[in-house]
């Protein structure tokens, strides 16, 4: 029984071409010399010659014309190198971008805060973060501590800055800073002369707050 061999379709051939063969082809196209290309890549000339010859046989296309003075690209080779070069550049960019994302140097950071006051510790902290990581897109959303923790658990936020010490066993938390809390009172107020004021002292008082803060 005989079996007819069919040529592998070009569409599936591309996925089988080793990346090394493509890189060596680009090097030869750049130097137009097998020896110089091999030296630049740190491999043997015979290895480069063999890989490109095998590639040409797989493609059924002559990429280079060899002569005693060196090599030159054929028209088919020129078009092939142009497309491969663009593809390798995209691959290098993809690898670099993935590496930067893994290191936190690019991507997106979704941050939840109760309120962002100019010149506050948090505002300065965000400013210091932006300087070494300009490639990170920072999204800041204001919400109450309860809302921020809910969004954090729902994967709608990556990090949240909340007031107090919430009990969050399913989240990792760290105290970033502390600051005094003061209350402004008129001189005529009964507790204005007290050195320390407790929440109980203020239980019956009326506060002026931002609209969102009433949902704490």
Protein backbone atom coordinates (compact mmCIF):
# COMPACT_ATOMS: atom_id res chain seq x y z
CA UNK A 1 0.00 0.00 0.00
CA UNK A 2 1.37 3.34 -0.96
CA UNK A 3 0.49 6.65 0.64
CA UNK A 4 0.62 9.91 -1.14
CA UNK A 5 2.63 12.56 0.72
CA UNK A 6 0.94 15.91 0.81
CA UNK A 7 2.78 19.16 1.35
CA UNK A 8 2.21 20.75 4.76
CA UNK A 9 -0.01 23.81 4.31
CA UNK A 10 1.87 27.08 4.78
CA UNK A 11 -0.66 28.21 7.41
CA UNK A 12 0.37 25.36 9.75
CA UNK A 13 4.06 25.49 8.84
CA UNK A 14 4.60 28.81 10.58
CA UNK A 15 3.83 27.34 13.98
CA UNK A 16 6.57 24.70 13.49
CA UNK A 17 9.43 27.02 12.55
CA UNK A 18 11.89 27.34 15.46
CA UNK A 19 12.38 30.89 16.73
CA UNK A 20 16.15 30.32 16.56
CA UNK A 21 15.93 29.81 12.80
CA UNK A 22 14.09 33.10 12.39
CA UNK A 23 16.58 35.01 14.54
CA UNK A 24 19.52 33.58 12.61
CA UNK A 25 17.81 34.46 9.33
CA UNK A 26 17.44 38.07 10.51
CA UNK A 27 21.11 38.14 11.48
CA UNK A 28 22.26 36.91 8.08
CA UNK A 29 19.94 39.42 6.40
CA UNK A 30 21.52 42.19 8.48
CA UNK A 31 25.18 41.25 7.92
CA UNK A 32 24.76 39.55 4.51
CA UNK A 33 27.52 37.24 5.66
CA UNK A 34 27.13 33.87 7.41
CA UNK A 35 30.37 34.15 9.35
CA UNK A 36 29.67 37.65 10.64
CA UNK A 37 26.12 36.69 11.58
CA UNK A 38 27.36 33.60 13.43
CA UNK A 39 29.96 35.67 15.34
CA UNK A 40 27.29 38.20 16.34
CA UNK A 41 25.05 35.42 17.65
CA UNK A 42 27.89 33.52 19.31
CA UNK A 43 27.29 30.30 17.37
CA UNK A 44 29.14 28.39 14.67
CA UNK A 45 28.87 29.35 11.02
CA UNK A 46 27.96 25.80 10.10
CA UNK A 47 25.01 25.90 12.53
CA UNK A 48 23.66 29.07 10.94
CA UNK A 49 24.12 27.72 7.42
CA UNK A 50 22.41 24.44 8.29
CA UNK A 51 19.45 26.09 10.00
CA UNK A 52 18.78 28.51 7.14
CA UNK A 53 19.14 25.77 4.56
CA UNK A 54 16.64 23.63 6.49
CA UNK A 55 14.29 26.62 6.72
CA UNK A 56 14.49 27.22 2.99
CA UNK A 57 13.73 23.54 2.34
CA UNK A 58 10.73 23.61 4.69
CA UNK A 59 9.40 26.76 3.06
CA UNK A 60 10.26 25.67 -0.45
CA UNK A 61 11.63 29.15 -0.99
CA UNK A 62 15.16 30.41 -1.62
CA UNK A 63 15.75 33.21 0.88
CA UNK A 64 19.39 33.97 0.07
CA UNK A 65 21.52 33.80 -3.04
CA UNK A 66 25.03 32.58 -2.15
CA UNK A 67 28.17 33.59 -4.05
CA UNK A 68 31.89 33.86 -3.37
CA UNK A 69 31.56 37.42 -2.04
CA UNK A 70 28.80 36.62 0.44
CA UNK A 71 25.04 36.40 0.22
CA UNK A 72 22.18 38.62 -0.78
CA UNK A 73 18.47 38.42 -0.17
CA UNK A 74 16.18 37.24 -2.89
CA UNK A 75 12.97 39.20 -3.43
CA UNK A 76 11.08 36.45 -1.61
CA UNK A 77 13.69 36.57 1.15
CA UNK A 78 13.34 40.32 1.48
CA UNK A 79 9.57 40.09 1.97
CA UNK A 80 9.99 37.18 4.39
CA UNK A 81 12.55 39.07 6.50
CA UNK A 82 10.35 42.17 6.64
CA UNK A 83 7.42 40.18 8.02
CA UNK A 84 9.54 38.15 10.41
CA UNK A 85 11.30 41.27 11.71
CA UNK A 86 7.95 42.88 12.55
CA UNK A 87 6.80 39.70 14.26
CA UNK A 88 9.95 39.40 16.37
CA UNK A 89 9.60 43.03 17.44
CA UNK A 90 6.05 42.34 18.59
CA UNK A 91 7.24 39.25 20.44
CA UNK A 92 10.03 41.17 22.17
CA UNK A 93 7.56 43.88 23.18
CA UNK A 94 5.14 41.26 24.51
CA UNK A 95 7.89 39.61 26.57
CA UNK A 96 9.11 42.96 27.89
CA UNK A 97 5.58 44.09 28.76
CA UNK A 98 4.83 40.83 30.54
CA UNK A 99 8.07 41.11 32.52
CA UNK A 100 7.30 44.71 33.50
CA UNK A 101 3.78 43.76 34.55
CA UNK A 102 5.13 40.91 36.67
CA UNK A 103 7.48 43.37 38.40
CA UNK A 104 4.70 45.93 38.88
CA UNK A 105 6.30 48.40 36.48
CA UNK A 106 3.32 48.69 34.14
CA UNK A 107 -0.35 47.83 34.04
CA UNK A 108 -3.15 49.19 36.19
CA UNK A 109 -3.52 49.70 39.94
CA UNK A 110 -7.04 50.19 41.30
CA UNK A 111 -6.93 51.99 44.63
CA UNK A 112 -9.74 52.69 47.06
CA UNK A 113 -9.48 55.61 49.52
CA UNK A 114 -11.86 57.30 51.96
CA UNK A 115 -10.83 60.76 50.84
CA UNK A 116 -7.79 62.23 49.12
CA UNK A 117 -6.78 65.50 50.77
CA UNK A 118 -4.11 67.62 49.03
CA UNK A 119 -0.73 67.57 50.81
CA UNK A 120 -1.88 64.74 53.09
CA UNK A 121 0.30 61.71 53.82
CA UNK A 122 -1.66 59.60 51.33
CA UNK A 123 -1.50 62.23 48.58
CA UNK A 124 2.27 62.50 49.01
CA UNK A 125 2.59 58.70 49.08
CA UNK A 126 0.76 58.40 45.77
CA UNK A 127 2.97 61.14 44.33
CA UNK A 128 6.10 59.25 45.37
CA UNK A 129 4.72 56.08 43.81
CA UNK A 130 4.04 57.72 40.44
CA UNK A 131 7.66 58.85 40.01
CA UNK A 132 9.38 55.43 39.74
CA UNK A 133 6.38 53.74 38.08
CA UNK A 134 5.18 56.07 35.30
CA UNK A 135 3.97 53.09 33.28
CA UNK A 136 1.32 52.14 35.85
CA UNK A 137 -2.16 53.53 35.27
CA UNK A 138 -3.47 54.54 38.70
CA UNK A 139 -7.24 54.51 39.27
CA UNK A 140 -8.34 56.12 42.55
CA UNK A 141 -11.92 55.63 43.78
CA UNK A 142 -13.34 57.29 46.89
CA UNK A 143 -15.63 55.21 49.10
CA UNK A 144 -16.31 54.30 52.70
CA UNK A 145 -14.18 51.68 54.41
CA UNK A 146 -17.02 49.14 54.19
CA UNK A 147 -17.49 49.74 50.47
CA UNK A 148 -13.76 49.56 49.82
CA UNK A 149 -13.42 46.20 51.56
CA UNK A 150 -16.40 44.82 49.65
CA UNK A 151 -14.87 45.96 46.36
CA UNK A 152 -11.51 44.50 47.39
CA UNK A 153 -13.10 41.11 48.05
CA UNK A 154 -14.97 41.30 44.73
CA UNK A 155 -11.68 41.95 42.88
CA UNK A 156 -12.86 45.43 41.89
CA UNK A 157 -9.93 47.01 43.77
CA UNK A 158 -6.30 45.95 44.13
CA UNK A 159 -5.59 47.90 47.32
CA UNK A 160 -7.59 50.02 49.76
CA UNK A 161 -6.60 52.60 52.37
CA UNK A 162 -9.12 52.64 55.22
CA UNK A 163 -9.33 54.39 58.57
CA UNK A 164 -9.00 52.37 61.74
CA UNK A 165 -8.12 48.70 62.18
CA UNK A 166 -10.81 46.67 60.40
CA UNK A 167 -11.09 42.97 61.12
CA UNK A 168 -10.26 41.46 57.75
CA UNK A 169 -8.97 37.88 58.19
CA UNK A 170 -9.29 37.23 54.45
CA UNK A 171 -7.13 40.25 53.51
CA UNK A 172 -3.57 41.21 54.33
CA UNK A 173 -3.32 44.58 56.05
CA UNK A 174 -0.60 46.83 57.38
CA UNK A 175 -0.66 50.05 59.38
CA UNK A 176 0.77 52.77 57.15
CA UNK A 177 0.56 55.86 59.33
CA UNK A 178 -1.21 57.46 62.28
CA UNK A 179 -2.31 61.04 62.71
CA UNK A 180 -4.13 63.00 65.43
CA UNK A 181 -7.85 63.64 65.17
CA UNK A 182 -8.95 67.05 66.38
CA UNK A 183 -12.35 68.66 66.81
CA UNK A 184 -12.97 72.36 66.19
CA UNK A 185 -15.27 74.04 68.75
CA UNK A 186 -16.28 77.62 69.51
CA UNK A 187 -14.74 79.15 72.61
CA UNK A 188 -18.13 79.22 74.28
CA UNK A 189 -18.65 75.47 74.02
CA UNK A 190 -18.87 73.59 77.32
CA UNK A 191 -16.05 71.17 76.48
CA UNK A 192 -13.82 73.64 74.61
CA UNK A 193 -11.41 73.89 77.54
CA UNK A 194 -11.01 70.13 78.01
CA UNK A 195 -7.54 68.82 77.20
CA UNK A 196 -8.95 65.53 75.85
CA UNK A 197 -12.28 64.97 74.14
CA UNK A 198 -13.90 61.55 73.77
CA UNK A 199 -16.52 60.35 71.34
CA UNK A 200 -18.95 60.16 74.23
CA UNK A 201 -18.47 63.91 74.80
CA UNK A 202 -19.55 64.52 71.21
CA UNK A 203 -22.46 62.08 71.11
CA UNK A 204 -25.14 64.76 71.01
CA UNK A 205 -23.31 67.24 68.76
CA UNK A 206 -24.08 68.16 65.15
CA UNK A 207 -21.26 67.61 62.63
CA UNK A 208 -20.59 69.18 59.27
CA UNK A 209 -19.33 66.46 56.94
CA UNK A 210 -18.97 65.69 53.24
CA UNK A 211 -22.04 64.02 51.65
CA UNK A 212 -20.32 60.62 51.20
CA UNK A 213 -18.98 60.56 54.74
CA UNK A 214 -22.46 60.17 56.25
CA UNK A 215 -22.49 56.52 55.10
CA UNK A 216 -19.54 55.45 57.26
